[in-house]
Structures are given as C-alpha cells and as structure tokens.
C-alpha cells in the first residue's frame, strides 16, 4: 500500500513559480500574516542577500501575484 504525499500550499506555490522562473520564500513574524517574497534568482532567502521583486501579505495575495506572472496555480 502506498500513501500519496500531499503538497502544502507553499510547496504548490513554489513549484508553480519555479516553472515560470520565480522563486519564493516566506516569513511569519507571529502577527498572523505570512509574508511571501518573490525573486527572479535562486539562492535568496526572505532576508536576502538580494531584495525581492514583490512581497505579498498572505497566501491569497501571493497566489494572485504568481498567476499574474504566468504561474498556473
């Protein structure tokens, strides 16, 4: 018997963005809103070394930005 591994929303977002040349990292400061920062280059985390091209507040906003960039999610 095999069990399917269900992807998290973040994993789905990262995969979809990767297909259009974007990378995404998150930060949750504890105020209830996760930040999603988008990059055009790999090797960046939420805090750098380079600035992201967009920071979304919450998954809904992140998904909207990703879709606007051509990601299918």
PDB file of N, CA and C in Angstrom:
ATOM      1  N   UNK A   1       0.847  -1.183   0.000  1.00  0.00           N
ATOM      2  CA  UNK A   1       0.000   0.000   0.000  1.00  0.00           C
ATOM      3  C   UNK A   1       0.889   1.242   0.000  1.00  0.00           C
ATOM      4  N   UNK A   2       0.581   2.168  -0.856  1.00  0.00           N
ATOM      5  CA  UNK A   2       1.336   3.414  -0.914  1.00  0.00           C
ATOM      6  C   UNK A   2       0.464   4.558  -0.438  1.00  0.00           C
ATOM      7  N   UNK A   3       1.107   5.516   0.137  1.00  0.00           N
ATOM      8  CA  UNK A   3       0.377   6.707   0.557  1.00  0.00           C
ATOM      9  C   UNK A   3       0.883   7.885  -0.250  1.00  0.00           C
ATOM     10  N   UNK A   4      -0.024   8.638  -0.784  1.00  0.00           N
ATOM     11  CA  UNK A   4       0.336   9.816  -1.569  1.00  0.00           C
ATOM     12  C   UNK A   4       0.759  10.933  -0.627  1.00  0.00           C
ATOM     13  N   UNK A   5       1.779  11.647  -1.024  1.00  0.00           N
ATOM     14  CA  UNK A   5       2.231  12.784  -0.237  1.00  0.00           C
ATOM     15  C   UNK A   5       1.533  14.030  -0.758  1.00  0.00           C
ATOM     16  N   UNK A   6       0.762  14.635   0.084  1.00  0.00           N
ATOM     17  CA  UNK A   6       0.036  15.840  -0.306  1.00  0.00           C
ATOM     18  C   UNK A   6       0.946  17.051  -0.138  1.00  0.00           C
ATOM     19  N   UNK A   7       1.015  17.866  -1.178  1.00  0.00           N
ATOM     20  CA  UNK A   7       1.831  19.072  -1.114  1.00  0.00           C
ATOM     21  C   UNK A   7       1.122  20.152  -0.309  1.00  0.00           C
ATOM     22  N   UNK A   8       1.904  20.925   0.412  1.00  0.00           N
ATOM     23  CA  UNK A   8       1.345  22.076   1.112  1.00  0.00           C
ATOM     24  C   UNK A   8       1.075  23.180   0.094  1.00  0.00           C
ATOM     25  N   UNK A   9       0.330  24.180   0.505  1.00  0.00           N
ATOM     26  CA  UNK A   9       0.075  25.312  -0.396  1.00  0.00           C
ATOM     27  C   UNK A   9       1.379  25.993  -0.781  1.00  0.00           C
ATOM     28  N   UNK A  10       2.317  26.104   0.163  1.00  0.00           N
ATOM     29  CA  UNK A  10       3.611  26.716  -0.134  1.00  0.00           C
ATOM     30  C   UNK A  10       4.370  25.893  -1.164  1.00  0.00           C
ATOM     31  N   UNK A  11       4.374  24.582  -1.023  1.00  0.00           N
ATOM     32  CA  UNK A  11       5.067  23.723  -1.993  1.00  0.00           C
ATOM     33  C   UNK A  11       4.439  23.845  -3.378  1.00  0.00           C
ATOM     34  N   UNK A  12       3.119  23.922  -3.434  1.00  0.00           N
ATOM     35  CA  UNK A  12       2.436  24.104  -4.716  1.00  0.00           C
ATOM     36  C   UNK A  12       2.816  25.441  -5.340  1.00  0.00           C
ATOM     37  N   UNK A  13       2.864  26.491  -4.518  1.00  0.00           N
ATOM     38  CA  UNK A  13       3.230  27.819  -4.996  1.00  0.00           C
ATOM     39  C   UNK A  13       4.670  27.831  -5.494  1.00  0.00           C
ATOM     40  N   UNK A  14       5.579  27.234  -4.737  1.00  0.00           N
ATOM     41  CA  UNK A  14       6.988  27.196  -5.134  1.00  0.00           C
ATOM     42  C   UNK A  14       7.173  26.438  -6.440  1.00  0.00           C
ATOM     43  N   UNK A  15       6.479  25.334  -6.601  1.00  0.00           N
ATOM     44  CA  UNK A  15       6.588  24.553  -7.835  1.00  0.00           C
ATOM     45  C   UNK A  15       6.063  25.345  -9.026  1.00  0.00           C
ATOM     46  N   UNK A  16       4.888  25.947  -8.881  1.00  0.00           N
ATOM     47  CA  UNK A  16       4.290  26.718  -9.974  1.00  0.00           C
ATOM     48  C   UNK A  16       5.167  27.912 -10.343  1.00  0.00           C
ATOM     49  N   UNK A  17       5.724  28.582  -9.351  1.00  0.00           N
ATOM     50  CA  UNK A  17       6.586  29.733  -9.618  1.00  0.00           C
ATOM     51  C   UNK A  17       7.886  29.302 -10.282  1.00  0.00           C
ATOM     52  N   UNK A  18       8.428  28.170  -9.860  1.00  0.00           N
ATOM     53  CA  UNK A  18       9.657  27.660 -10.455  1.00  0.00           C
ATOM     54  C   UNK A  18       9.515  27.401 -11.941  1.00  0.00           C
ATOM     55  N   UNK A  19       8.325  27.031 -12.370  1.00  0.00           N
ATOM     56  CA  UNK A  19       8.074  26.759 -13.784  1.00  0.00           C
ATOM     57  C   UNK A  19       8.080  28.024 -14.633  1.00  0.00           C
ATOM     58  N   UNK A  20       7.946  29.191 -14.002  1.00  0.00           N
ATOM     59  CA  UNK A  20       7.976  30.460 -14.746  1.00  0.00           C
ATOM     60  C   UNK A  20       9.180  31.318 -14.349  1.00  0.00           C
ATOM     61  N   UNK A  21      10.160  30.710 -13.697  1.00  0.00           N
ATOM     62  CA  UNK A  21      11.395  31.421 -13.381  1.00  0.00           C
ATOM     63  C   UNK A  21      11.347  32.315 -12.162  1.00  0.00           C
ATOM     64  N   UNK A  22      10.459  32.008 -11.227  1.00  0.00           N
ATOM     65  CA  UNK A  22      10.393  32.766  -9.983  1.00  0.00           C
ATOM     66  C   UNK A  22      10.692  31.852  -8.803  1.00  0.00           C
ATOM     67  N   UNK A  23      11.250  32.430  -7.762  1.00  0.00           N
ATOM     68  CA  UNK A  23      11.489  31.721  -6.509  1.00  0.00           C
ATOM     69  C   UNK A  23      10.749  32.469  -5.422  1.00  0.00           C
ATOM     70  N   UNK A  24      10.277  31.735  -4.433  1.00  0.00           N
ATOM     71  CA  UNK A  24       9.503  32.353  -3.357  1.00  0.00           C
ATOM     72  C   UNK A  24       9.980  31.814  -2.009  1.00  0.00           C
ATOM     73  N   UNK A  25      10.063  32.703  -1.041  1.00  0.00           N
ATOM     74  CA  UNK A  25      10.407  32.337   0.326  1.00  0.00           C
ATOM     75  C   UNK A  25       9.425  33.043   1.246  1.00  0.00           C
ATOM     76  N   UNK A  26       9.282  32.523   2.455  1.00  0.00           N
ATOM     77  CA  UNK A  26       8.284  33.063   3.375  1.00  0.00           C
ATOM     78  C   UNK A  26       8.904  33.526   4.682  1.00  0.00           C
ATOM     79  N   UNK A  27       8.127  34.346   5.366  1.00  0.00           N
ATOM     80  CA  UNK A  27       8.484  34.799   6.710  1.00  0.00           C
ATOM     81  C   UNK A  27       7.192  34.966   7.491  1.00  0.00           C
ATOM     82  N   UNK A  28       7.148  34.397   8.689  1.00  0.00           N
ATOM     83  CA  UNK A  28       5.983  34.523   9.572  1.00  0.00           C
ATOM     84  C   UNK A  28       6.425  35.169  10.875  1.00  0.00           C
ATOM     85  N   UNK A  29       6.204  36.476  11.020  1.00  0.00           N
ATOM     86  CA  UNK A  29       6.693  37.172  12.206  1.00  0.00           C
ATOM     87  C   UNK A  29       5.854  36.962  13.463  1.00  0.00           C
ATOM     88  N   UNK A  30       4.771  36.215  13.372  1.00  0.00           N
ATOM     89  CA  UNK A  30       3.959  35.947  14.549  1.00  0.00           C
ATOM     90  C   UNK A  30       2.750  36.847  14.703  1.00  0.00           C
ATOM     91  N   UNK A  31       2.476  37.669  13.707  1.00  0.00           N
ATOM     92  CA  UNK A  31       1.320  38.561  13.786  1.00  0.00           C
ATOM     93  C   UNK A  31       0.106  38.019  13.034  1.00  0.00           C
ATOM     94  N   UNK A  32       0.211  36.771  12.544  1.00  0.00           N
ATOM     95  CA  UNK A  32      -0.912  36.148  11.866  1.00  0.00           C
ATOM     96  C   UNK A  32      -0.899  36.269  10.359  1.00  0.00           C
ATOM     97  N   UNK A  33       0.040  37.005   9.792  1.00  0.00           N
ATOM     98  CA  UNK A  33       0.108  37.185   8.345  1.00  0.00           C
ATOM     99  C   UNK A  33       1.471  36.699   7.854  1.00  0.00           C
ATOM    100  N   UNK A  34       1.455  35.674   7.015  1.00  0.00           N
ATOM    101  CA  UNK A  34       2.696  35.178   6.432  1.00  0.00           C
ATOM    102  C   UNK A  34       3.059  36.044   5.242  1.00  0.00           C
ATOM    103  N   UNK A  35       4.319  36.410   5.164  1.00  0.00           N
ATOM    104  CA  UNK A  35       4.827  37.193   4.037  1.00  0.00           C
ATOM    105  C   UNK A  35       5.456  36.250   3.025  1.00  0.00           C
ATOM    106  N   UNK A  36       5.183  36.474   1.750  1.00  0.00           N
ATOM    107  CA  UNK A  36       5.740  35.685   0.655  1.00  0.00           C
ATOM    108  C   UNK A  36       6.561  36.640  -0.207  1.00  0.00           C
ATOM    109  N   UNK A  37       7.866  36.413  -0.282  1.00  0.00           N
ATOM    110  CA  UNK A  37       8.727  37.293  -1.077  1.00  0.00           C
ATOM    111  C   UNK A  37       9.160  36.546  -2.336  1.00  0.00           C
ATOM    112  N   UNK A  38       8.998  37.207  -3.472  1.00  0.00           N
ATOM    113  CA  UNK A  38       9.309  36.623  -4.777  1.00  0.00           C
ATOM    114  C   UNK A  38      10.636  37.165  -5.295  1.00  0.00           C
ATOM    115  N   UNK A  39      11.394  36.275  -5.954  1.00  0.00           N
ATOM    116  CA  UNK A  39      12.707  36.615  -6.507  1.00  0.00           C
ATOM    117  C   UNK A  39      12.811  36.118  -7.944  1.00  0.00           C
ATOM    118  N   UNK A  40      13.692  36.763  -8.730  1.00  0.00           N
ATOM    119  CA  UNK A  40      13.977  36.306 -10.087  1.00  0.00           C
ATOM    120  C   UNK A  40      15.209  35.417 -10.133  1.00  0.00           C
ATOM    121  N   UNK A  41      15.931  35.300  -9.022  1.00  0.00           N
ATOM    122  CA  UNK A  41      17.141  34.483  -8.966  1.00  0.00           C
ATOM    123  C   UNK A  41      17.066  33.528  -7.787  1.00  0.00           C
ATOM    124  N   UNK A  42      17.616  32.335  -7.977  1.00  0.00           N
ATOM    125  CA  UNK A  42      17.690  31.357  -6.886  1.00  0.00           C
ATOM    126  C   UNK A  42      18.757  31.789  -5.893  1.00  0.00           C
ATOM    127  N   UNK A  43      18.737  31.191  -4.725  1.00  0.00           N
ATOM    128  CA  UNK A  43      19.770  31.454  -3.730  1.00  0.00           C
ATOM    129  C   UNK A  43      19.475  32.594  -2.786  1.00  0.00           C
ATOM    130  N   UNK A  44      18.257  33.088  -2.800  1.00  0.00           N
ATOM    131  CA  UNK A  44      17.867  34.165  -1.895  1.00  0.00           C
ATOM    132  C   UNK A  44      16.906  33.627  -0.850  1.00  0.00           C
ATOM    133  N   UNK A  45      16.991  34.192   0.327  1.00  0.00           N
ATOM    134  CA  UNK A  45      16.015  33.882   1.363  1.00  0.00           C
ATOM    135  C   UNK A  45      15.173  35.139   1.569  1.00  0.00           C
ATOM    136  N   UNK A  46      14.228  35.083   2.464  1.00  0.00           N
ATOM    137  CA  UNK A  46      13.363  36.235   2.692  1.00  0.00           C
ATOM    138  C   UNK A  46      14.174  37.487   3.011  1.00  0.00           C
ATOM    139  N   UNK A  47      15.288  37.310   3.698  1.00  0.00           N
ATOM    140  CA  UNK A  47      16.100  38.454   4.124  1.00  0.00           C
ATOM    141  C   UNK A  47      17.311  38.707   3.231  1.00  0.00           C
ATOM    142  N   UNK A  48      17.356  38.123   2.074  1.00  0.00           N
ATOM    143  CA  UNK A  48      18.436  38.456   1.144  1.00  0.00           C
ATOM    144  C   UNK A  48      19.224  37.249   0.686  1.00  0.00           C
ATOM    145  N   UNK A  49      20.325  37.468   0.043  1.00  0.00           N
ATOM    146  CA  UNK A  49      21.100  38.702   0.027  1.00  0.00           C
ATOM    147  C   UNK A  49      20.540  39.783  -0.896  1.00  0.00           C
ATOM    148  N   UNK A  50      19.695  39.418  -1.858  1.00  0.00           N
ATOM    149  CA  UNK A  50      19.126  40.432  -2.750  1.00  0.00           C
ATOM    150  C   UNK A  50      17.685  40.717  -2.360  1.00  0.00           C
ATOM    151  N   UNK A  51      17.221  41.893  -2.739  1.00  0.00           N
ATOM    152  CA  UNK A  51      15.834  42.261  -2.483  1.00  0.00           C
ATOM    153  C   UNK A  51      14.923  41.524  -3.457  1.00  0.00           C
ATOM    154  N   UNK A  52      13.761  41.181  -3.003  1.00  0.00           N
ATOM    155  CA  UNK A  52      12.795  40.518  -3.860  1.00  0.00           C
ATOM    156  C   UNK A  52      12.130  41.501  -4.808  1.00  0.00           C
ATOM    157  N   UNK A  53      11.390  40.944  -5.761  1.00  0.00           N
ATOM    158  CA  UNK A  53      10.679  41.798  -6.709  1.00  0.00           C
ATOM    159  C   UNK A  53       9.282  42.150  -6.205  1.00  0.00           C
ATOM    160  N   UNK A  54       8.781  41.358  -5.230  1.00  0.00           N
ATOM    161  CA  UNK A  54       7.452  41.632  -4.686  1.00  0.00           C
ATOM    162  C   UNK A  54       7.296  40.889  -3.370  1.00  0.00           C
ATOM    163  N   UNK A  55       6.624  41.503  -2.423  1.00  0.00           N
ATOM    164  CA  UNK A  55       6.293  40.846  -1.160  1.00  0.00           C
ATOM    165  C   UNK A  55       4.781  40.856  -0.994  1.00  0.00           C
ATOM    166  N   UNK A  56       4.209  39.664  -0.916  1.00  0.00           N
ATOM    167  CA  UNK A  56       2.765  39.516  -0.746  1.00  0.00           C
ATOM    168  C   UNK A  56       2.447  39.285   0.719  1.00  0.00           C
ATOM    169  N   UNK A  57       1.341  39.838   1.163  1.00  0.00           N
ATOM    170  CA  UNK A  57       0.871  39.631   2.532  1.00  0.00           C
ATOM    171  C   UNK A  57      -0.249  38.607   2.501  1.00  0.00           C
ATOM    172  N   UNK A  58       0.063  37.371   2.836  1.00  0.00           N
ATOM    173  CA  UNK A  58      -0.912  36.292   2.842  1.00  0.00           C
ATOM    174  C   UNK A  58      -0.887  35.482   1.559  1.00  0.00           C
ATOM    175  N   UNK A  59      -1.392  34.242   1.670  1.00  0.00           N
ATOM    176  CA  UNK A  59      -1.347  33.321   0.537  1.00  0.00           C
ATOM    177  C   UNK A  59      -2.195  33.799  -0.636  1.00  0.00           C
ATOM    178  N   UNK A  60      -3.351  34.365  -0.362  1.00  0.00           N
ATOM    179  CA  UNK A  60      -4.239  34.800  -1.447  1.00  0.00           C
ATOM    180  C   UNK A  60      -3.552  35.840  -2.331  1.00  0.00           C
ATOM    181  N   UNK A  61      -2.890  36.798  -1.714  1.00  0.00           N
ATOM    182  CA  UNK A  61      -2.173  37.823  -2.471  1.00  0.00           C
ATOM    183  C   UNK A  61      -0.980  37.214  -3.215  1.00  0.00           C
ATOM    184  N   UNK A  62      -0.303  36.261  -2.585  1.00  0.00           N
ATOM    185  CA  UNK A  62       0.837  35.596  -3.222  1.00  0.00           C
ATOM    186  C   UNK A  62       0.382  34.814  -4.451  1.00  0.00           C
ATOM    187  N   UNK A  63      -0.730  34.108  -4.323  1.00  0.00           N
ATOM    188  CA  UNK A  63      -1.260  33.342  -5.450  1.00  0.00           C
ATOM    189  C   UNK A  63      -1.664  34.269  -6.591  1.00  0.00           C
ATOM    190  N   UNK A  64      -2.264  35.394  -6.270  1.00  0.00           N
ATOM    191  CA  UNK A  64      -2.667  36.357  -7.296  1.00  0.00           C
ATOM    192  C   UNK A  64      -1.452  36.891  -8.044  1.00  0.00           C
ATOM    193  N   UNK A  65      -0.388  37.238  -7.316  1.00  0.00           N
ATOM    194  CA  UNK A  65       0.833  37.720  -7.964  1.00  0.00           C
ATOM    195  C   UNK A  65       1.430  36.632  -8.856  1.00  0.00           C
ATOM    196  N   UNK A  66       1.497  35.411  -8.340  1.00  0.00           N
ATOM    197  CA  UNK A  66       2.072  34.304  -9.107  1.00  0.00           C
ATOM    198  C   UNK A  66       1.288  34.069 -10.395  1.00  0.00           C
ATOM    199  N   UNK A  67      -0.027  34.113 -10.307  1.00  0.00           N
ATOM    200  CA  UNK A  67      -0.855  33.935 -11.503  1.00  0.00           C
ATOM    201  C   UNK A  67      -0.613  35.056 -12.505  1.00  0.00           C
ATOM    202  N   UNK A  68      -0.459  36.275 -12.013  1.00  0.00           N
ATOM    203  CA  UNK A  68      -0.172  37.403 -12.894  1.00  0.00           C
ATOM    204  C   UNK A  68       1.170  37.272 -13.588  1.00  0.00           C
ATOM    205  N   UNK A  69       2.087  36.550 -12.957  1.00  0.00           N
ATOM    206  CA  UNK A  69       3.413  36.323 -13.537  1.00  0.00           C
ATOM    207  C   UNK A  69       3.422  35.113 -14.470  1.00  0.00           C
ATOM    208  N   UNK A  70       2.281  34.445 -14.599  1.00  0.00           N
ATOM    209  CA  UNK A  70       2.164  33.331 -15.528  1.00  0.00           C
ATOM    210  C   UNK A  70       2.145  31.956 -14.900  1.00  0.00           C
ATOM    211  N   UNK A  71       2.258  31.879 -13.580  1.00  0.00           N
ATOM    212  CA  UNK A  71       2.231  30.580 -12.906  1.00  0.00           C
ATOM    213  C   UNK A  71       0.817  30.011 -12.929  1.00  0.00           C
ATOM    214  N   UNK A  72       0.733  28.715 -13.077  1.00  0.00           N
ATOM    215  CA  UNK A  72      -0.568  28.046 -13.061  1.00  0.00           C
ATOM    216  C   UNK A  72      -0.730  27.395 -11.701  1.00  0.00           C
ATOM    217  N   UNK A  73      -1.520  28.053 -10.858  1.00  0.00           N
ATOM    218  CA  UNK A  73      -1.782  27.540  -9.520  1.00  0.00           C
ATOM    219  C   UNK A  73      -3.226  27.829  -9.146  1.00  0.00           C
TER     220      UNK A  73
END
